[in-house]
């Protein structure tokens, strides 16, 4: 039985994890180099993860170390955060609604 491919309008989990890593890293005000150093991984791996290009080659230990550096209580909390990353279409739709209502986030 063939596995279903993710819908094009929904980023796959690799992309969602990458977005979560980038957003949390920016929230904590650290660079990719700093994150890599603290998580004991290569900066190139951080870059590939953030861009959704690194998947099966990233082991759970590396993700757990990244999650710890980014102040997540557990790997499961980090994955749950990644699963809730909104799609680009959802963000565009929300922005269009806000523009029509003339209410912009500050």
Protein backbone atom coordinates (compact mmCIF):
# COMPACT_ATOMS: atom_id res chain seq x y z
CA UNK A 1 0.00 0.00 0.00
CA UNK A 2 1.46 3.36 -1.05
CA UNK A 3 1.84 6.17 1.44
CA UNK A 4 -0.11 9.34 0.76
CA UNK A 5 1.91 12.40 -0.14
CA UNK A 6 1.27 15.55 1.92
CA UNK A 7 -1.02 18.08 0.28
CA UNK A 8 0.85 20.87 -1.48
CA UNK A 9 -0.87 23.55 0.64
CA UNK A 10 0.30 21.93 3.88
CA UNK A 11 3.99 21.92 4.70
CA UNK A 12 5.25 18.49 5.65
CA UNK A 13 6.60 17.86 9.13
CA UNK A 14 10.19 18.53 8.03
CA UNK A 15 9.25 22.02 6.88
CA UNK A 16 7.14 22.63 9.99
CA UNK A 17 10.02 21.61 12.25
CA UNK A 18 12.29 23.95 10.30
CA UNK A 19 9.89 26.84 10.73
CA UNK A 20 9.56 26.11 14.46
CA UNK A 21 13.35 25.96 14.89
CA UNK A 22 13.86 29.24 13.02
CA UNK A 23 11.05 31.05 14.86
CA UNK A 24 12.19 29.86 18.29
CA UNK A 25 15.82 30.65 17.50
CA UNK A 26 14.85 34.18 16.45
CA UNK A 27 12.64 34.55 19.53
CA UNK A 28 15.63 33.71 21.74
CA UNK A 29 17.84 36.08 19.74
CA UNK A 30 20.50 33.54 18.85
CA UNK A 31 22.21 32.86 15.55
CA UNK A 32 22.41 29.55 13.72
CA UNK A 33 26.06 29.37 14.74
CA UNK A 34 25.20 29.83 18.42
CA UNK A 35 22.41 27.24 18.25
CA UNK A 36 24.68 24.77 16.51
CA UNK A 37 27.45 25.26 19.05
CA UNK A 38 25.12 24.83 22.05
CA UNK A 39 23.38 21.80 20.48
CA UNK A 40 26.71 20.24 19.40
CA UNK A 41 25.75 20.01 15.74
CA UNK A 42 27.05 21.67 12.57
CA UNK A 43 25.70 25.07 11.56
CA UNK A 44 25.02 23.65 8.11
CA UNK A 45 22.68 21.11 9.71
CA UNK A 46 20.78 23.91 11.48
CA UNK A 47 20.44 25.69 8.15
CA UNK A 48 19.20 22.56 6.38
CA UNK A 49 16.71 21.84 9.18
CA UNK A 50 15.37 25.41 9.09
CA UNK A 51 14.92 25.16 5.31
CA UNK A 52 13.16 21.78 5.51
CA UNK A 53 15.94 20.09 3.57
CA UNK A 54 17.15 17.85 6.39
CA UNK A 55 14.83 15.03 7.39
CA UNK A 56 15.61 11.37 7.95
CA UNK A 57 19.27 12.16 8.48
CA UNK A 58 18.43 14.23 11.56
CA UNK A 59 18.32 11.92 14.50
CA UNK A 60 16.07 12.41 17.49
CA UNK A 61 19.05 13.14 19.73
CA UNK A 62 19.97 16.16 17.59
CA UNK A 63 16.38 17.42 17.63
CA UNK A 64 16.22 16.93 21.39
CA UNK A 65 19.42 18.95 21.86
CA UNK A 66 18.02 21.72 19.64
CA UNK A 67 14.76 21.70 21.62
CA UNK A 68 16.67 22.02 24.91
CA UNK A 69 18.71 24.97 23.64
CA UNK A 70 15.46 26.60 22.51
CA UNK A 71 14.00 26.15 26.02
CA UNK A 72 11.40 23.53 25.13
CA UNK A 73 10.44 21.25 28.03
CA UNK A 74 10.51 18.12 25.92
CA UNK A 75 10.93 16.85 22.40
CA UNK A 76 7.21 16.04 22.27
CA UNK A 77 6.37 19.66 23.19
CA UNK A 78 8.68 20.83 20.42
CA UNK A 79 7.10 18.46 17.86
CA UNK A 80 3.62 19.56 18.95
CA UNK A 81 4.66 23.17 18.35
CA UNK A 82 5.95 22.24 14.90
CA UNK A 83 2.71 20.46 14.02
CA UNK A 84 0.78 23.67 14.69
CA UNK A 85 2.80 25.90 12.35
CA UNK A 86 0.24 27.58 10.10
CA UNK A 87 0.33 27.07 6.37
CA UNK A 88 1.22 29.94 4.06
CA UNK A 89 -2.34 29.94 2.72
CA UNK A 90 -3.74 30.35 6.24
CA UNK A 91 -1.44 33.31 6.91
CA UNK A 92 -2.38 34.93 3.59
CA UNK A 93 -6.09 34.45 4.28
CA UNK A 94 -5.77 35.94 7.78
CA UNK A 95 -3.84 38.93 6.37
CA UNK A 96 -6.49 39.53 3.71
CA UNK A 97 -9.23 39.46 6.35
CA UNK A 98 -7.31 41.95 8.51
CA UNK A 99 -6.75 44.27 5.54
CA UNK A 100 -10.47 44.21 4.70
CA UNK A 101 -11.25 45.05 8.33
CA UNK A 102 -8.54 47.74 8.44
CA UNK A 103 -6.98 46.20 11.52
CA UNK A 104 -3.28 45.52 11.36
CA UNK A 105 -1.16 43.93 14.05
CA UNK A 106 1.36 46.29 15.53
